[in-house]
Structure formats: C-alpha cells, structure tokens
Amino acid sequence: NPRNPRRHFGDAELTDLTQSIREHGLVQPVVVRPSPTQAGLFELIAGERRWRAAQRAGLTEIPVIVREVNDRTALELAIIENVQRADLNPVEEALGYQQLIDDHNYTQADLGNVIGKSRSHVANTLRLLKLPDVIRDMLVDGSLSAGHARTLVTAADPAGLAKKIVEEGLSVRQAETLAQTPTDKPKGNGPAQKPQKDADTLSLEKMLSDILGLAVAIQHRDRGGEVKIAYRTLDQLDELCRKLKAS
C-alpha cells in the first residue's frame, strides 16, 4: 500500500515477530482489498509488518481478510490499526492524519471520531509536523518522546532544547518550564521593571498553580483584577476544563 502511514520497520521487532510466527503461526489475518490498478491482484491495507515477518518465517500462505473499500476507507483502516496497536511513531501518525486532511478533507474532529482519539490528541499530534527535521528524526528513532516534542513547538530554539532534553534526561514538565523561560534579558535602557508582587499574591499564585498544575498569574487593579492561567497544549486545556467542571 503506497499510502501506508507506517514507514519504519525495526529489525529487532521483525525478528521477534518472525520467531513467534514460526512457533505459533500468524494469529491475526492481514487485511487486503482488490487492487484499484491491477486486475487479479490485491493491495495490502493493514498488516504489512506481519506480512514481512511471515515471509521471513518461510510461510507461503497466510490468513487474509478481503475488504471492498475505497482509498479513503483504506487509509482510515491502515491508520486505525496502527494507532490501536501503537505501531506508528509520532511522526508517522501525524503524517497519516495530515494525509487524510489533505486528500479527503477531514476535520480534526472527524479524525478524532474515526480513530477513537480526542480532537486535542489529533491537534497536538499534527503540531509535531511544525518541528525541524532534526527533531522529527529524534522522534522516529525514539530518543525523544511525543510529550517532549510538543513542548518544543513554540520554543525559541527547539533544536537546542531538544538536545538538552536528551542529554540531561529531562522530564516533560522540566522541558515545559525551560520552553516557557524567556531567553532575552531586559536591556538597561528598556522600560522600568514592574513592581514586585506582595507575599500574599505570590502565595495565592502558588496555591492555584499547585492545584491546577499550570502557571497562574494574578494582577490586582484599583477595582478588581484578573487571574491568568497559561497552558501550552490542548491536552492541558482539556484537563483544566475537566478540573473546573468537577469543582
């Protein structure tokens, strides 16, 4: 299938699966459809890794499910199976989503419904495509997690921060903190610094931050004031809404 979202097949994984197939056979059938371009042939929709391992194991026949589906549904099935089995790396998953959007006019909400994921998951996954190639490569080889990568989308120096995350083994929370830290120092001739907040305000900010797990800023005015809650991902916003509804 030229539209298969999965592009990388680890040799160690294939070796383990090959050994399992030798001992127990192919337990789960692959899914195919009649080839849209070559009469009498079939196109593999889902199960390419199993098909490759079966070849290595020397099998000449394997169980197959034949589906009469169009290009759109074939791509849906390929993505759904790989996502459910966690077989795609984050970049492959994002590219698969983008292909459905580009080729078949899906919305992010449509994608979420089809693959059984939240809209925020789809949106955050798609944001990974904005990252430089060097960071995408780190996602593909597994040296950087998707959670870490999402913190880099709006960072001033994503590649430099990614290197620091890997070298120092930083957690996602630590990466978020670094990504939010301004890199430019104020100049001497710049505007005057804002007055420091009093201890009570700082204490309230810390209490709310601890409860919500997000950065909270309180600004007092002559009449009233405002509370700002900063979030970096749609997952964080979903979690905030959940906590506010539950309170």
Protein backbone atom coordinates (compact mmCIF):
# COMPACT_ATOMS: atom_id res chain seq x y z
CA ASN A 1 0.00 0.00 0.00
CA PRO A 2 1.74 3.21 -1.12
CA ARG A 3 -0.40 5.15 1.39
CA ASN A 4 0.61 3.04 4.38
CA PRO A 5 1.37 5.53 7.16
CA ARG A 6 3.97 3.22 8.63
CA ARG A 7 7.38 3.70 7.02
CA HIS A 8 9.79 2.22 9.56
CA PHE A 9 10.03 -1.47 10.39
CA GLY A 10 12.57 -2.16 13.14
CA ASP A 11 14.72 -5.22 12.51
CA ALA A 12 14.58 -6.35 16.16
CA GLU A 13 10.77 -6.19 16.16
CA LEU A 14 10.57 -8.13 12.89
CA THR A 15 12.96 -10.76 14.24
CA ASP A 16 10.84 -11.29 17.38
CA LEU A 17 7.62 -11.46 15.36
CA THR A 18 9.21 -13.86 12.87
CA GLN A 19 10.17 -16.23 15.69
CA SER A 20 6.65 -16.05 17.13
CA ILE A 21 5.11 -16.83 13.73
CA ARG A 22 7.44 -19.80 13.28
CA GLU A 23 6.24 -21.24 16.59
CA HIS A 24 2.55 -20.33 16.57
CA GLY A 25 1.68 -19.27 13.03
CA LEU A 26 0.06 -15.99 12.04
CA VAL A 27 -2.72 -15.49 14.58
CA GLN A 28 -4.23 -12.28 13.19
CA PRO A 29 -5.06 -12.07 9.46
CA VAL A 30 -3.82 -9.23 7.30
CA VAL A 31 -6.39 -7.02 5.53
CA VAL A 32 -6.33 -6.50 1.76
CA ARG A 33 -8.52 -5.04 -0.98
CA PRO A 34 -8.69 -5.76 -4.71
CA SER A 35 -6.02 -3.66 -6.39
CA PRO A 36 -7.54 -0.49 -7.87
CA THR A 37 -4.93 -0.51 -10.67
CA GLN A 38 -4.08 -4.17 -11.41
CA ALA A 39 -6.84 -6.70 -12.05
CA GLY A 40 -6.48 -10.01 -10.23
CA LEU A 41 -4.06 -8.64 -7.63
CA PHE A 42 -4.63 -7.37 -4.09
CA GLU A 43 -3.31 -4.39 -2.16
CA LEU A 44 -2.30 -4.77 1.47
CA ILE A 45 -4.23 -2.37 3.71
CA ALA A 46 -3.23 -3.44 7.21
CA GLY A 47 -0.67 -5.92 8.49
CA GLU A 48 2.49 -5.17 6.49
CA ARG A 49 4.74 -5.99 9.46
CA ARG A 50 3.01 -9.36 9.89
CA TRP A 51 3.31 -10.00 6.13
CA ARG A 52 7.05 -9.20 6.19
CA ALA A 53 7.64 -11.42 9.22
CA ALA A 54 5.64 -14.27 7.66
CA GLN A 55 7.91 -14.11 4.62
CA ARG A 56 10.95 -14.31 6.87
CA ALA A 57 9.40 -17.30 8.63
CA GLY A 58 9.08 -19.07 5.28
CA LEU A 59 5.28 -19.13 5.11
CA THR A 60 3.78 -19.38 1.64
CA GLU A 61 0.15 -18.93 2.74
CA ILE A 62 -1.32 -16.64 5.40
CA PRO A 63 -4.90 -15.82 6.51
CA VAL A 64 -6.33 -12.78 4.74
CA ILE A 65 -9.47 -10.68 5.09
CA VAL A 66 -10.62 -9.08 1.81
CA ARG A 67 -12.42 -5.73 2.03
CA GLU A 68 -14.07 -3.84 -0.83
CA VAL A 69 -13.14 -0.28 0.17
CA ASN A 70 -12.15 2.99 -1.49
CA ASP A 71 -8.91 4.93 -0.99
CA ARG A 72 -10.31 6.95 1.90
CA THR A 73 -11.51 3.95 3.90
CA ALA A 74 -8.32 2.02 3.13
CA LEU A 75 -6.24 4.83 4.63
CA GLU A 76 -8.58 5.04 7.62
CA LEU A 77 -8.20 1.33 8.29
CA ALA A 78 -4.41 1.48 7.98
CA ILE A 79 -4.17 4.36 10.44
CA ILE A 80 -6.71 2.93 12.88
CA GLU A 81 -4.98 -0.44 13.11
CA ASN A 82 -1.53 1.10 13.56
CA VAL A 83 -2.73 3.62 16.15
CA GLN A 84 -4.61 0.96 18.13
CA ARG A 85 -1.57 -1.30 18.11
CA ALA A 86 0.78 1.65 18.87
CA ASP A 87 2.83 0.62 15.83
CA LEU A 88 3.33 4.15 14.45
CA ASN A 89 5.96 6.55 15.68
CA PRO A 90 4.58 10.06 16.37
CA VAL A 91 5.78 11.47 13.04
CA GLU A 92 4.16 8.65 11.03
CA GLU A 93 0.94 9.16 12.97
CA ALA A 94 0.99 12.91 12.26
CA LEU A 95 1.70 12.37 8.56
CA GLY A 96 -1.16 9.88 8.34
CA TYR A 97 -3.56 12.39 9.87
CA GLN A 98 -2.33 15.13 7.55
CA GLN A 99 -2.81 12.87 4.53
CA LEU A 100 -6.45 12.29 5.47
CA ILE A 101 -6.93 16.05 5.87
CA ASP A 102 -5.21 16.90 2.57
CA ASP A 103 -6.64 14.11 0.42
CA HIS A 104 -10.10 13.66 1.90
CA ASN A 105 -10.96 16.99 3.59
CA TYR A 106 -11.19 15.62 7.11
CA THR A 107 -11.55 18.00 10.03
CA GLN A 108 -9.66 17.35 13.27
CA ALA A 109 -12.97 16.47 14.94
CA ASP A 110 -13.74 13.96 12.14
CA LEU A 111 -10.36 12.33 12.63
CA GLY A 112 -10.88 12.06 16.37
CA ASN A 113 -14.20 10.29 15.85
CA VAL A 114 -12.80 7.88 13.24
CA ILE A 115 -9.71 6.79 15.16
CA GLY A 116 -11.20 6.96 18.65
CA LYS A 117 -8.97 9.79 19.90
CA SER A 118 -9.80 13.24 21.27
CA ARG A 119 -9.63 16.28 18.99
CA SER A 120 -6.88 17.66 21.20
CA HIS A 121 -4.82 14.50 20.63
CA VAL A 122 -5.18 14.92 16.87
CA ALA A 123 -4.32 18.64 17.05
CA ASN A 124 -1.27 18.08 19.25
CA THR A 125 -0.04 15.26 17.02
CA LEU A 126 -0.37 17.43 13.90
CA ARG A 127 1.63 20.20 15.60
CA LEU A 128 4.67 17.89 15.55
CA LEU A 129 4.90 18.45 11.78
CA LYS A 130 5.92 22.07 12.50
CA LEU A 131 9.15 20.90 14.14
CA PRO A 132 12.52 20.90 12.34
CA ASP A 133 13.67 17.71 10.63
CA VAL A 134 16.37 17.12 13.25
CA ILE A 135 13.69 16.83 15.94
CA ARG A 136 11.48 14.65 13.74
CA ASP A 137 14.43 12.28 13.35
CA MET A 138 14.73 12.10 17.16
CA LEU A 139 11.03 11.19 17.37
CA VAL A 140 11.45 8.47 14.74
CA ASP A 141 14.44 6.84 16.47
CA GLY A 142 12.74 7.08 19.88
CA SER A 143 15.31 9.31 21.58
CA LEU A 144 12.61 11.96 22.10
CA SER A 145 9.01 11.31 23.17
CA ALA A 146 5.95 12.97 21.67
CA GLY A 147 5.26 14.64 25.01
CA HIS A 148 8.70 16.24 24.99
CA ALA A 149 8.38 17.22 21.34
CA ARG A 150 5.08 19.03 21.91
CA THR A 151 6.80 21.37 24.36
CA LEU A 152 9.24 22.38 21.61
CA VAL A 153 6.70 23.63 19.05
CA THR A 154 6.71 27.20 20.39
CA ALA A 155 10.22 27.20 21.89
CA ALA A 156 12.65 29.88 20.68
CA ASP A 157 15.38 27.28 19.99
CA PRO A 158 13.62 23.92 19.60
CA ALA A 159 16.68 22.03 18.34
CA GLY A 160 18.89 23.29 21.17
CA LEU A 161 16.26 22.47 23.78
CA ALA A 162 15.72 19.01 22.28
CA LYS A 163 19.43 18.29 22.61
CA LYS A 164 19.37 19.44 26.23
CA ILE A 165 16.34 17.23 26.98
CA VAL A 166 18.07 14.14 25.62
CA GLU A 167 21.49 14.83 27.14
CA GLU A 168 20.16 15.65 30.62
CA GLY A 169 17.21 13.24 30.65
CA LEU A 170 14.71 15.99 31.44
CA SER A 171 11.07 15.21 32.22
CA VAL A 172 8.24 16.67 30.16
CA ARG A 173 7.42 19.08 33.00
CA GLN A 174 11.04 20.26 33.14
CA ALA A 175 11.03 20.71 29.36
CA GLU A 176 7.84 22.77 29.57
CA THR A 177 9.41 25.03 32.18
CA LEU A 178 12.51 25.59 30.05
CA ALA A 179 10.41 26.26 26.94
CA GLN A 180 8.47 28.94 28.82
CA THR A 181 11.61 30.66 30.14
CA PRO A 182 12.42 33.84 28.17
CA THR A 183 15.88 33.75 26.61
CA ASP A 184 16.27 37.51 26.13
CA LYS A 185 17.43 39.56 29.11
CA PRO A 186 15.97 43.07 29.51
CA LYS A 187 18.28 45.86 28.37
CA GLY A 188 19.42 48.61 30.71
CA ASN A 189 17.65 51.36 28.75
CA GLY A 190 14.40 49.46 28.50
CA PRO A 191 11.16 50.19 30.32
CA ALA A 192 11.08 50.19 34.09
CA GLN A 193 10.51 46.84 35.77
CA LYS A 194 7.05 46.15 37.15
CA PRO A 195 6.81 46.31 40.93
CA GLN A 196 7.25 43.05 42.78
CA LYS A 197 4.06 41.30 43.91
CA ASP A 198 3.35 41.07 47.63
CA ALA A 199 3.77 37.83 49.53
CA ASP A 200 0.01 37.15 49.74
CA THR A 201 -0.41 37.40 45.96
CA LEU A 202 2.59 35.15 45.34
CA SER A 203 1.19 32.64 47.83
CA LEU A 204 -2.19 32.62 46.06
CA GLU A 205 -0.50 32.14 42.69
CA LYS A 206 1.49 29.19 44.02
CA MET A 207 -1.59 27.60 45.61
CA LEU A 208 -3.60 27.84 42.39
CA SER A 209 -0.65 26.61 40.32
CA ASP A 210 -0.26 23.57 42.57
CA ILE A 211 -3.98 22.76 42.32
CA LEU A 212 -4.25 23.20 38.55
CA GLY A 213 -0.78 22.07 37.54
CA LEU A 214 -0.44 25.17 35.33
CA ALA A 215 1.21 28.57 35.63
CA VAL A 216 -1.15 31.10 37.25
CA ALA A 217 -0.67 34.89 37.35
CA ILE A 218 -2.77 37.30 39.44
CA GLN A 219 -2.88 41.01 38.66
CA HIS A 220 -4.55 43.45 41.08
CA ARG A 221 -6.09 46.72 39.91
CA ASP A 222 -7.82 49.61 41.63
CA ARG A 223 -11.10 47.82 41.08
CA GLY A 224 -10.90 44.08 40.95
CA GLY A 225 -8.23 42.36 38.87
CA GLU A 226 -7.65 39.31 36.72
CA VAL A 227 -6.37 35.75 37.00
CA LYS A 228 -4.45 34.34 34.03
CA ILE A 229 -3.93 30.60 33.57
CA ALA A 230 -1.30 29.66 30.99
CA TYR A 231 -1.49 26.38 29.06
CA ARG A 232 0.76 25.15 26.26
CA THR A 233 -1.15 22.21 24.81
CA LEU A 234 -4.79 21.34 24.13
CA ASP A 235 -4.39 18.36 26.46
CA GLN A 236 -3.61 20.76 29.28
CA LEU A 237 -6.67 22.86 28.40
CA ASP A 238 -8.89 19.75 28.36
CA GLU A 239 -7.55 18.75 31.79
CA LEU A 240 -8.15 22.28 33.13
CA CYS A 241 -11.76 22.22 31.89
CA ARG A 242 -12.25 18.81 33.49
CA LYS A 243 -10.99 20.09 36.87
CA LEU A 244 -13.15 23.22 36.72
CA LYS A 245 -16.26 21.18 35.88
CA ALA A 246 -15.54 18.78 38.74
CA SER A 247 -15.06 21.55 41.31
